[in-house]
């Protein structure tokens, strides 16, 4: 009986370690404002830094975290369907911003 319990504990610990490492491996990089796609969309990590002359319809209340394309992953960043495999800043903005329904 002890042997089975010991094996269970070892396997449980190994499984937990594997899950932890797996989550670290899937950490996504942030989109850089210098990324060609980000530049094409006028992406800024801080919505208050958007060039309002170039984007006159922009408002500081428009942020990635209230965009329909945003997929939250945490308080400060999340995914965006426009930037596959990368995260955008929650306080960011791009010209594809669309109000959440």
PDB file of N, CA and C in Angstrom:
ATOM      1  N   UNK A   1       0.818  -1.189   0.000  1.00  0.00           N
ATOM      2  CA  UNK A   1       0.000   0.000   0.000  1.00  0.00           C
ATOM      3  C   UNK A   1       0.867   1.260   0.000  1.00  0.00           C
ATOM      4  N   UNK A   2       1.976   1.259   0.776  1.00  0.00           N
ATOM      5  CA  UNK A   2       2.858   2.423   0.830  1.00  0.00           C
ATOM      6  C   UNK A   2       3.467   2.723  -0.541  1.00  0.00           C
ATOM      7  N   UNK A   3       3.857   1.692  -1.243  1.00  0.00           N
ATOM      8  CA  UNK A   3       4.486   1.853  -2.541  1.00  0.00           C
ATOM      9  C   UNK A   3       3.542   2.563  -3.518  1.00  0.00           C
ATOM     10  N   UNK A   4       2.276   2.213  -3.535  1.00  0.00           N
ATOM     11  CA  UNK A   4       1.299   2.822  -4.419  1.00  0.00           C
ATOM     12  C   UNK A   4       1.106   4.298  -4.070  1.00  0.00           C
ATOM     13  N   UNK A   5       1.038   4.593  -2.786  1.00  0.00           N
ATOM     14  CA  UNK A   5       0.880   5.971  -2.341  1.00  0.00           C
ATOM     15  C   UNK A   5       2.105   6.796  -2.726  1.00  0.00           C
ATOM     16  N   UNK A   6       3.283   6.240  -2.533  1.00  0.00           N
ATOM     17  CA  UNK A   6       4.523   6.920  -2.885  1.00  0.00           C
ATOM     18  C   UNK A   6       4.564   7.201  -4.393  1.00  0.00           C
ATOM     19  N   UNK A   7       4.183   6.228  -5.188  1.00  0.00           N
ATOM     20  CA  UNK A   7       4.156   6.422  -6.640  1.00  0.00           C
ATOM     21  C   UNK A   7       3.160   7.514  -7.031  1.00  0.00           C
ATOM     22  N   UNK A   8       2.010   7.508  -6.364  1.00  0.00           N
ATOM     23  CA  UNK A   8       1.002   8.531  -6.639  1.00  0.00           C
ATOM     24  C   UNK A   8       1.540   9.931  -6.343  1.00  0.00           C
ATOM     25  N   UNK A   9       2.195  10.093  -5.208  1.00  0.00           N
ATOM     26  CA  UNK A   9       2.740  11.398  -4.830  1.00  0.00           C
ATOM     27  C   UNK A   9       3.831  11.851  -5.800  1.00  0.00           C
ATOM     28  N   UNK A  10       4.675  10.945  -6.211  1.00  0.00           N
ATOM     29  CA  UNK A  10       5.741  11.283  -7.159  1.00  0.00           C
ATOM     30  C   UNK A  10       5.147  11.692  -8.498  1.00  0.00           C
ATOM     31  N   UNK A  11       4.182  10.937  -8.962  1.00  0.00           N
ATOM     32  CA  UNK A  11       3.548  11.244 -10.251  1.00  0.00           C
ATOM     33  C   UNK A  11       2.778  12.562 -10.189  1.00  0.00           C
ATOM     34  N   UNK A  12       2.138  12.851  -9.064  1.00  0.00           N
ATOM     35  CA  UNK A  12       1.405  14.105  -8.893  1.00  0.00           C
ATOM     36  C   UNK A  12       2.368  15.292  -8.934  1.00  0.00           C
ATOM     37  N   UNK A  13       3.484  15.174  -8.249  1.00  0.00           N
ATOM     38  CA  UNK A  13       4.483  16.247  -8.242  1.00  0.00           C
ATOM     39  C   UNK A  13       5.057  16.460  -9.642  1.00  0.00           C
ATOM     40  N   UNK A  14       5.321  15.371 -10.345  1.00  0.00           N
ATOM     41  CA  UNK A  14       5.851  15.480 -11.709  1.00  0.00           C
ATOM     42  C   UNK A  14       4.831  16.143 -12.628  1.00  0.00           C
ATOM     43  N   UNK A  15       3.580  15.803 -12.467  1.00  0.00           N
ATOM     44  CA  UNK A  15       2.522  16.407 -13.288  1.00  0.00           C
ATOM     45  C   UNK A  15       2.381  17.895 -13.024  1.00  0.00           C
ATOM     46  N   UNK A  16       2.448  18.294 -11.763  1.00  0.00           N
ATOM     47  CA  UNK A  16       2.351  19.711 -11.410  1.00  0.00           C
ATOM     48  C   UNK A  16       3.531  20.492 -11.984  1.00  0.00           C
ATOM     49  N   UNK A  17       4.715  19.921 -11.912  1.00  0.00           N
ATOM     50  CA  UNK A  17       5.896  20.586 -12.467  1.00  0.00           C
ATOM     51  C   UNK A  17       5.781  20.738 -13.978  1.00  0.00           C
ATOM     52  N   UNK A  18       5.267  19.722 -14.640  1.00  0.00           N
ATOM     53  CA  UNK A  18       5.084  19.778 -16.091  1.00  0.00           C
ATOM     54  C   UNK A  18       4.105  20.882 -16.472  1.00  0.00           C
ATOM     55  N   UNK A  19       2.996  21.001 -15.737  1.00  0.00           N
ATOM     56  CA  UNK A  19       2.014  22.049 -16.018  1.00  0.00           C
ATOM     57  C   UNK A  19       2.615  23.437 -15.826  1.00  0.00           C
ATOM     58  N   UNK A  20       3.411  23.614 -14.778  1.00  0.00           N
ATOM     59  CA  UNK A  20       4.049  24.907 -14.522  1.00  0.00           C
ATOM     60  C   UNK A  20       4.996  25.275 -15.658  1.00  0.00           C
ATOM     61  N   UNK A  21       5.807  24.347 -16.081  1.00  0.00           N
ATOM     62  CA  UNK A  21       6.744  24.604 -17.171  1.00  0.00           C
ATOM     63  C   UNK A  21       6.012  24.858 -18.478  1.00  0.00           C
ATOM     64  N   UNK A  22       4.922  24.166 -18.695  1.00  0.00           N
ATOM     65  CA  UNK A  22       4.130  24.344 -19.908  1.00  0.00           C
ATOM     66  C   UNK A  22       3.563  25.756 -19.978  1.00  0.00           C
ATOM     67  N   UNK A  23       3.084  26.290 -18.855  1.00  0.00           N
ATOM     68  CA  UNK A  23       2.554  27.648 -18.831  1.00  0.00           C
ATOM     69  C   UNK A  23       3.644  28.671 -19.125  1.00  0.00           C
ATOM     70  N   UNK A  24       4.850  28.444 -18.627  1.00  0.00           N
ATOM     71  CA  UNK A  24       5.956  29.362 -18.912  1.00  0.00           C
ATOM     72  C   UNK A  24       6.341  29.318 -20.383  1.00  0.00           C
ATOM     73  N   UNK A  25       6.293  28.161 -20.987  1.00  0.00           N
ATOM     74  CA  UNK A  25       6.665  28.020 -22.388  1.00  0.00           C
ATOM     75  C   UNK A  25       5.677  28.710 -23.308  1.00  0.00           C
ATOM     76  N   UNK A  26       4.425  28.839 -22.864  1.00  0.00           N
ATOM     77  CA  UNK A  26       3.410  29.466 -23.694  1.00  0.00           C
ATOM     78  C   UNK A  26       3.264  30.958 -23.438  1.00  0.00           C
ATOM     79  N   UNK A  27       4.140  31.545 -22.650  1.00  0.00           N
ATOM     80  CA  UNK A  27       4.084  32.976 -22.413  1.00  0.00           C
ATOM     81  C   UNK A  27       4.314  33.699 -23.740  1.00  0.00           C
ATOM     82  N   UNK A  28       3.444  34.641 -24.021  1.00  0.00           N
ATOM     83  CA  UNK A  28       3.516  35.335 -25.302  1.00  0.00           C
ATOM     84  C   UNK A  28       4.312  36.623 -25.171  1.00  0.00           C
ATOM     85  N   UNK A  29       4.987  36.959 -26.241  1.00  0.00           N
ATOM     86  CA  UNK A  29       5.734  38.205 -26.298  1.00  0.00           C
ATOM     87  C   UNK A  29       4.768  39.362 -26.536  1.00  0.00           C
ATOM     88  N   UNK A  30       5.173  40.527 -26.103  1.00  0.00           N
ATOM     89  CA  UNK A  30       4.374  41.735 -26.345  1.00  0.00           C
ATOM     90  C   UNK A  30       4.637  42.243 -27.761  1.00  0.00           C
ATOM     91  N   UNK A  31       3.623  42.816 -28.370  1.00  0.00           N
ATOM     92  CA  UNK A  31       3.777  43.443 -29.679  1.00  0.00           C
ATOM     93  C   UNK A  31       4.600  44.712 -29.493  1.00  0.00           C
ATOM     94  N   UNK A  32       5.606  44.889 -30.309  1.00  0.00           N
ATOM     95  CA  UNK A  32       6.415  46.105 -30.272  1.00  0.00           C
ATOM     96  C   UNK A  32       5.790  47.138 -31.200  1.00  0.00           C
ATOM     97  N   UNK A  33       5.845  48.390 -30.807  1.00  0.00           N
ATOM     98  CA  UNK A  33       5.313  49.457 -31.649  1.00  0.00           C
ATOM     99  C   UNK A  33       6.065  49.552 -32.970  1.00  0.00           C
ATOM    100  N   UNK A  34       7.271  49.000 -33.017  1.00  0.00           N
ATOM    101  CA  UNK A  34       8.088  49.016 -34.227  1.00  0.00           C
ATOM    102  C   UNK A  34       7.792  47.844 -35.160  1.00  0.00           C
ATOM    103  N   UNK A  35       6.983  46.890 -34.700  1.00  0.00           N
ATOM    104  CA  UNK A  35       6.580  45.754 -35.530  1.00  0.00           C
ATOM    105  C   UNK A  35       5.870  46.292 -36.777  1.00  0.00           C
ATOM    106  N   UNK A  36       6.197  45.783 -37.975  1.00  0.00           N
ATOM    107  CA  UNK A  36       5.584  46.314 -39.205  1.00  0.00           C
ATOM    108  C   UNK A  36       4.055  46.320 -39.190  1.00  0.00           C
ATOM    109  N   UNK A  37       3.435  45.269 -38.682  1.00  0.00           N
ATOM    110  CA  UNK A  37       1.972  45.230 -38.624  1.00  0.00           C
ATOM    111  C   UNK A  37       1.449  46.256 -37.615  1.00  0.00           C
ATOM    112  N   UNK A  38       2.134  46.394 -36.501  1.00  0.00           N
ATOM    113  CA  UNK A  38       1.739  47.381 -35.489  1.00  0.00           C
ATOM    114  C   UNK A  38       1.833  48.791 -36.065  1.00  0.00           C
ATOM    115  N   UNK A  39       2.894  49.059 -36.807  1.00  0.00           N
ATOM    116  CA  UNK A  39       3.042  50.376 -37.425  1.00  0.00           C
ATOM    117  C   UNK A  39       1.947  50.636 -38.449  1.00  0.00           C
ATOM    118  N   UNK A  40       1.608  49.620 -39.222  1.00  0.00           N
ATOM    119  CA  UNK A  40       0.559  49.774 -40.240  1.00  0.00           C
ATOM    120  C   UNK A  40      -0.796  50.082 -39.603  1.00  0.00           C
ATOM    121  N   UNK A  41      -1.013  49.578 -38.394  1.00  0.00           N
ATOM    122  CA  UNK A  41      -2.288  49.806 -37.701  1.00  0.00           C
ATOM    123  C   UNK A  41      -2.222  50.974 -36.718  1.00  0.00           C
ATOM    124  N   UNK A  42      -1.066  51.630 -36.638  1.00  0.00           N
ATOM    125  CA  UNK A  42      -0.913  52.765 -35.729  1.00  0.00           C
ATOM    126  C   UNK A  42      -0.936  52.353 -34.262  1.00  0.00           C
ATOM    127  N   UNK A  43      -0.533  51.104 -33.960  1.00  0.00           N
ATOM    128  CA  UNK A  43      -0.575  50.602 -32.580  1.00  0.00           C
ATOM    129  C   UNK A  43       0.342  51.396 -31.664  1.00  0.00           C
ATOM    130  N   UNK A  44      -0.205  51.749 -30.515  1.00  0.00           N
ATOM    131  CA  UNK A  44       0.567  52.353 -29.424  1.00  0.00           C
ATOM    132  C   UNK A  44       0.230  51.601 -28.154  1.00  0.00           C
ATOM    133  N   UNK A  45       1.219  51.331 -27.341  1.00  0.00           N
ATOM    134  CA  UNK A  45       1.012  50.618 -26.081  1.00  0.00           C
ATOM    135  C   UNK A  45       0.276  51.478 -25.060  1.00  0.00           C
ATOM    136  N   UNK A  46       0.246  52.788 -25.295  1.00  0.00           N
ATOM    137  CA  UNK A  46      -0.449  53.731 -24.416  1.00  0.00           C
ATOM    138  C   UNK A  46      -1.369  54.582 -25.285  1.00  0.00           C
ATOM    139  N   UNK A  47      -2.664  54.425 -25.097  1.00  0.00           N
ATOM    140  CA  UNK A  47      -3.641  55.120 -25.935  1.00  0.00           C
ATOM    141  C   UNK A  47      -3.497  56.645 -25.892  1.00  0.00           C
ATOM    142  N   UNK A  48      -2.924  57.184 -24.815  1.00  0.00           N
ATOM    143  CA  UNK A  48      -2.768  58.639 -24.719  1.00  0.00           C
ATOM    144  C   UNK A  48      -1.628  59.159 -25.595  1.00  0.00           C
ATOM    145  N   UNK A  49      -0.836  58.248 -26.173  1.00  0.00           N
ATOM    146  CA  UNK A  49       0.302  58.643 -27.015  1.00  0.00           C
ATOM    147  C   UNK A  49      -0.025  58.575 -28.517  1.00  0.00           C
ATOM    148  N   UNK A  50      -1.287  58.321 -28.874  1.00  0.00           N
ATOM    149  CA  UNK A  50      -1.685  58.211 -30.281  1.00  0.00           C
ATOM    150  C   UNK A  50      -1.669  59.585 -30.936  1.00  0.00           C
ATOM    151  N   UNK A  51      -1.176  59.645 -32.166  1.00  0.00           N
ATOM    152  CA  UNK A  51      -1.146  60.876 -32.952  1.00  0.00           C
ATOM    153  C   UNK A  51      -2.571  61.202 -33.407  1.00  0.00           C
ATOM    154  N   UNK A  52      -3.200  62.169 -32.746  1.00  0.00           N
ATOM    155  CA  UNK A  52      -4.593  62.499 -33.058  1.00  0.00           C
ATOM    156  C   UNK A  52      -4.744  63.238 -34.382  1.00  0.00           C
ATOM    157  N   UNK A  53      -3.666  63.779 -34.900  1.00  0.00           N
ATOM    158  CA  UNK A  53      -3.736  64.405 -36.234  1.00  0.00           C
ATOM    159  C   UNK A  53      -3.826  63.321 -37.305  1.00  0.00           C
ATOM    160  N   UNK A  54      -3.102  62.236 -37.094  1.00  0.00           N
ATOM    161  CA  UNK A  54      -3.119  61.122 -38.036  1.00  0.00           C
ATOM    162  C   UNK A  54      -4.381  60.275 -37.863  1.00  0.00           C
ATOM    163  N   UNK A  55      -4.879  60.184 -36.620  1.00  0.00           N
ATOM    164  CA  UNK A  55      -6.074  59.394 -36.304  1.00  0.00           C
ATOM    165  C   UNK A  55      -7.093  60.291 -35.587  1.00  0.00           C
ATOM    166  N   UNK A  56      -7.783  61.159 -36.313  1.00  0.00           N
ATOM    167  CA  UNK A  56      -8.684  62.128 -35.679  1.00  0.00           C
ATOM    168  C   UNK A  56      -9.889  61.510 -34.960  1.00  0.00           C
ATOM    169  N   UNK A  57     -10.257  60.277 -35.290  1.00  0.00           N
ATOM    170  CA  UNK A  57     -11.395  59.630 -34.625  1.00  0.00           C
ATOM    171  C   UNK A  57     -11.006  58.946 -33.317  1.00  0.00           C
ATOM    172  N   UNK A  58      -9.714  58.958 -33.005  1.00  0.00           N
ATOM    173  CA  UNK A  58      -9.239  58.335 -31.767  1.00  0.00           C
ATOM    174  C   UNK A  58      -9.720  59.127 -30.554  1.00  0.00           C
ATOM    175  N   UNK A  59     -10.058  58.385 -29.493  1.00  0.00           N
ATOM    176  CA  UNK A  59     -10.382  58.984 -28.194  1.00  0.00           C
ATOM    177  C   UNK A  59      -9.595  58.218 -27.131  1.00  0.00           C
ATOM    178  N   UNK A  60      -9.156  58.912 -26.099  1.00  0.00           N
ATOM    179  CA  UNK A  60      -8.363  58.262 -25.052  1.00  0.00           C
ATOM    180  C   UNK A  60      -9.145  57.187 -24.306  1.00  0.00           C
ATOM    181  N   UNK A  61     -10.458  57.179 -24.430  1.00  0.00           N
ATOM    182  CA  UNK A  61     -11.266  56.133 -23.792  1.00  0.00           C
ATOM    183  C   UNK A  61     -11.242  54.842 -24.602  1.00  0.00           C
ATOM    184  N   UNK A  62     -10.747  54.893 -25.819  1.00  0.00           N
ATOM    185  CA  UNK A  62     -10.611  53.692 -26.655  1.00  0.00           C
ATOM    186  C   UNK A  62      -9.302  53.011 -26.269  1.00  0.00           C
ATOM    187  N   UNK A  63      -9.422  51.830 -25.710  1.00  0.00           N
ATOM    188  CA  UNK A  63      -8.271  51.060 -25.251  1.00  0.00           C
ATOM    189  C   UNK A  63      -8.420  49.631 -25.723  1.00  0.00           C
ATOM    190  N   UNK A  64      -7.314  48.930 -25.809  1.00  0.00           N
ATOM    191  CA  UNK A  64      -7.370  47.517 -26.203  1.00  0.00           C
ATOM    192  C   UNK A  64      -8.296  46.717 -25.290  1.00  0.00           C
ATOM    193  N   UNK A  65      -8.273  47.006 -23.987  1.00  0.00           N
ATOM    194  CA  UNK A  65      -9.086  46.204 -23.066  1.00  0.00           C
ATOM    195  C   UNK A  65     -10.584  46.462 -23.174  1.00  0.00           C
ATOM    196  N   UNK A  66     -11.017  47.439 -23.990  1.00  0.00           N
ATOM    197  CA  UNK A  66     -12.447  47.590 -24.253  1.00  0.00           C
ATOM    198  C   UNK A  66     -12.750  47.458 -25.750  1.00  0.00           C
ATOM    199  N   UNK A  67     -11.854  46.768 -26.445  1.00  0.00           N
ATOM    200  CA  UNK A  67     -12.010  46.493 -27.877  1.00  0.00           C
ATOM    201  C   UNK A  67     -12.597  45.088 -28.064  1.00  0.00           C
ATOM    202  N   UNK A  68     -13.398  44.927 -29.089  1.00  0.00           N
ATOM    203  CA  UNK A  68     -14.026  43.634 -29.384  1.00  0.00           C
ATOM    204  C   UNK A  68     -12.999  42.567 -29.773  1.00  0.00           C
ATOM    205  N   UNK A  69     -11.822  42.966 -30.230  1.00  0.00           N
ATOM    206  CA  UNK A  69     -10.796  42.024 -30.683  1.00  0.00           C
ATOM    207  C   UNK A  69      -9.879  41.546 -29.549  1.00  0.00           C
ATOM    208  N   UNK A  70      -9.998  42.163 -28.397  1.00  0.00           N
ATOM    209  CA  UNK A  70      -9.106  41.886 -27.259  1.00  0.00           C
ATOM    210  C   UNK A  70      -9.521  40.615 -26.531  1.00  0.00           C
ATOM    211  N   UNK A  71      -8.519  39.800 -26.177  1.00  0.00           N
ATOM    212  CA  UNK A  71      -8.733  38.560 -25.433  1.00  0.00           C
ATOM    213  C   UNK A  71      -7.906  38.641 -24.153  1.00  0.00           C
ATOM    214  N   UNK A  72      -8.526  39.022 -23.032  1.00  0.00           N
ATOM    215  CA  UNK A  72      -7.773  39.249 -21.794  1.00  0.00           C
ATOM    216  C   UNK A  72      -6.981  38.032 -21.321  1.00  0.00           C
ATOM    217  N   UNK A  73      -5.748  38.290 -20.902  1.00  0.00           N
ATOM    218  CA  UNK A  73      -4.883  37.249 -20.338  1.00  0.00           C
ATOM    219  C   UNK A  73      -4.404  37.665 -18.954  1.00  0.00           C
ATOM    220  N   UNK A  74      -4.698  38.872 -18.568  1.00  0.00           N
ATOM    221  CA  UNK A  74      -4.257  39.410 -17.284  1.00  0.00           C
ATOM    222  C   UNK A  74      -4.681  40.854 -17.193  1.00  0.00           C
ATOM    223  N   UNK A  75      -4.249  41.528 -16.153  1.00  0.00           N
ATOM    224  CA  UNK A  75      -4.657  42.908 -15.951  1.00  0.00           C
ATOM    225  C   UNK A  75      -3.959  43.866 -16.909  1.00  0.00           C
ATOM    226  N   UNK A  76      -2.722  43.586 -17.269  1.00  0.00           N
ATOM    227  CA  UNK A  76      -1.937  44.531 -18.049  1.00  0.00           C
ATOM    228  C   UNK A  76      -1.863  44.227 -19.541  1.00  0.00           C
ATOM    229  N   UNK A  77      -2.186  42.998 -19.940  1.00  0.00           N
ATOM    230  CA  UNK A  77      -2.030  42.624 -21.350  1.00  0.00           C
ATOM    231  C   UNK A  77      -2.984  41.493 -21.714  1.00  0.00           C
ATOM    232  N   UNK A  78      -3.124  41.296 -23.020  1.00  0.00           N
ATOM    233  CA  UNK A  78      -3.963  40.214 -23.511  1.00  0.00           C
ATOM    234  C   UNK A  78      -3.703  39.973 -24.979  1.00  0.00           C
ATOM    235  N   UNK A  79      -4.372  38.996 -25.516  1.00  0.00           N
ATOM    236  CA  UNK A  79      -4.222  38.666 -26.921  1.00  0.00           C
ATOM    237  C   UNK A  79      -5.091  39.542 -27.808  1.00  0.00           C
ATOM    238  N   UNK A  80      -4.768  39.564 -29.076  1.00  0.00           N
ATOM    239  CA  UNK A  80      -5.551  40.289 -30.074  1.00  0.00           C
ATOM    240  C   UNK A  80      -5.542  39.447 -31.336  1.00  0.00           C
ATOM    241  N   UNK A  81      -6.691  39.296 -31.954  1.00  0.00           N
ATOM    242  CA  UNK A  81      -6.769  38.464 -33.155  1.00  0.00           C
ATOM    243  C   UNK A  81      -5.963  39.041 -34.317  1.00  0.00           C
ATOM    244  N   UNK A  82      -5.589  40.301 -34.250  1.00  0.00           N
ATOM    245  CA  UNK A  82      -4.775  40.915 -35.307  1.00  0.00           C
ATOM    246  C   UNK A  82      -3.282  40.610 -35.158  1.00  0.00           C
ATOM    247  N   UNK A  83      -2.868  40.277 -33.953  1.00  0.00           N
ATOM    248  CA  UNK A  83      -1.456  40.019 -33.664  1.00  0.00           C
ATOM    249  C   UNK A  83      -1.305  38.605 -33.109  1.00  0.00           C
ATOM    250  N   UNK A  84      -1.482  37.628 -33.952  1.00  0.00           N
ATOM    251  CA  UNK A  84      -1.445  36.224 -33.534  1.00  0.00           C
ATOM    252  C   UNK A  84      -0.139  35.878 -32.829  1.00  0.00           C
ATOM    253  N   UNK A  85      -0.254  35.231 -31.674  1.00  0.00           N
ATOM    254  CA  UNK A  85       0.917  34.790 -30.930  1.00  0.00           C
ATOM    255  C   UNK A  85       1.590  35.874 -30.114  1.00  0.00           C
ATOM    256  N   UNK A  86       1.030  37.071 -30.095  1.00  0.00           N
ATOM    257  CA  UNK A  86       1.615  38.167 -29.325  1.00  0.00           C
ATOM    258  C   UNK A  86       0.533  38.826 -28.485  1.00  0.00           C
ATOM    259  N   UNK A  87       0.965  39.507 -27.445  1.00  0.00           N
ATOM    260  CA  UNK A  87       0.032  40.222 -26.583  1.00  0.00           C
ATOM    261  C   UNK A  87       0.113  41.714 -26.839  1.00  0.00           C
ATOM    262  N   UNK A  88      -0.987  42.383 -26.575  1.00  0.00           N
ATOM    263  CA  UNK A  88      -1.044  43.835 -26.661  1.00  0.00           C
ATOM    264  C   UNK A  88      -1.279  44.392 -25.262  1.00  0.00           C
ATOM    265  N   UNK A  89      -0.878  45.612 -25.043  1.00  0.00           N
ATOM    266  CA  UNK A  89      -1.083  46.258 -23.748  1.00  0.00           C
ATOM    267  C   UNK A  89      -2.569  46.568 -23.570  1.00  0.00           C
ATOM    268  N   UNK A  90      -3.085  46.330 -22.376  1.00  0.00           N
ATOM    269  CA  UNK A  90      -4.491  46.619 -22.092  1.00  0.00           C
ATOM    270  C   UNK A  90      -4.798  48.098 -22.319  1.00  0.00           C
ATOM    271  N   UNK A  91      -3.829  48.958 -22.043  1.00  0.00           N
ATOM    272  CA  UNK A  91      -4.009  50.397 -22.211  1.00  0.00           C
ATOM    273  C   UNK A  91      -3.635  50.861 -23.620  1.00  0.00           C
ATOM    274  N   UNK A  92      -3.390  49.922 -24.521  1.00  0.00           N
ATOM    275  CA  UNK A  92      -2.978  50.259 -25.884  1.00  0.00           C
ATOM    276  C   UNK A  92      -4.138  50.618 -26.794  1.00  0.00           C
ATOM    277  N   UNK A  93      -3.812  50.873 -28.055  1.00  0.00           N
ATOM    278  CA  UNK A  93      -4.802  51.242 -29.070  1.00  0.00           C
ATOM    279  C   UNK A  93      -4.226  50.989 -30.462  1.00  0.00           C
ATOM    280  N   UNK A  94      -5.097  50.654 -31.422  1.00  0.00           N
ATOM    281  CA  UNK A  94      -4.717  50.641 -32.824  1.00  0.00           C
ATOM    282  C   UNK A  94      -5.922  51.082 -33.654  1.00  0.00           C
ATOM    283  N   UNK A  95      -5.693  51.358 -34.915  1.00  0.00           N
ATOM    284  CA  UNK A  95      -6.759  51.893 -35.775  1.00  0.00           C
ATOM    285  C   UNK A  95      -7.879  50.900 -36.054  1.00  0.00           C
ATOM    286  N   UNK A  96      -7.695  49.633 -35.690  1.00  0.00           N
ATOM    287  CA  UNK A  96      -8.743  48.639 -35.872  1.00  0.00           C
ATOM    288  C   UNK A  96      -9.652  48.536 -34.647  1.00  0.00           C
ATOM    289  N   UNK A  97      -9.482  49.427 -33.676  1.00  0.00           N
ATOM    290  CA  UNK A  97     -10.281  49.373 -32.462  1.00  0.00           C
ATOM    291  C   UNK A  97     -11.767  49.345 -32.795  1.00  0.00           C
ATOM    292  N   UNK A  98     -12.484  48.421 -32.155  1.00  0.00           N
ATOM    293  CA  UNK A  98     -13.936  48.288 -32.339  1.00  0.00           C
ATOM    294  C   UNK A  98     -14.577  48.117 -30.971  1.00  0.00           C
ATOM    295  N   UNK A  99     -15.593  48.901 -30.704  1.00  0.00           N
ATOM    296  CA  UNK A  99     -16.260  48.866 -29.397  1.00  0.00           C
ATOM    297  C   UNK A  99     -16.833  47.494 -29.100  1.00  0.00           C
ATOM    298  N   UNK A 100     -16.590  47.023 -27.859  1.00  0.00           N
ATOM    299  CA  UNK A 100     -17.163  45.739 -27.418  1.00  0.00           C
ATOM    300  C   UNK A 100     -18.673  45.865 -27.358  1.00  0.00           C
ATOM    301  N   UNK A 101     -19.347  44.811 -27.741  1.00  0.00           N
ATOM    302  CA  UNK A 101     -20.815  44.808 -27.693  1.00  0.00           C
ATOM    303  C   UNK A 101     -21.331  44.669 -26.282  1.00  0.00           C
TER     304      UNK A 101
END
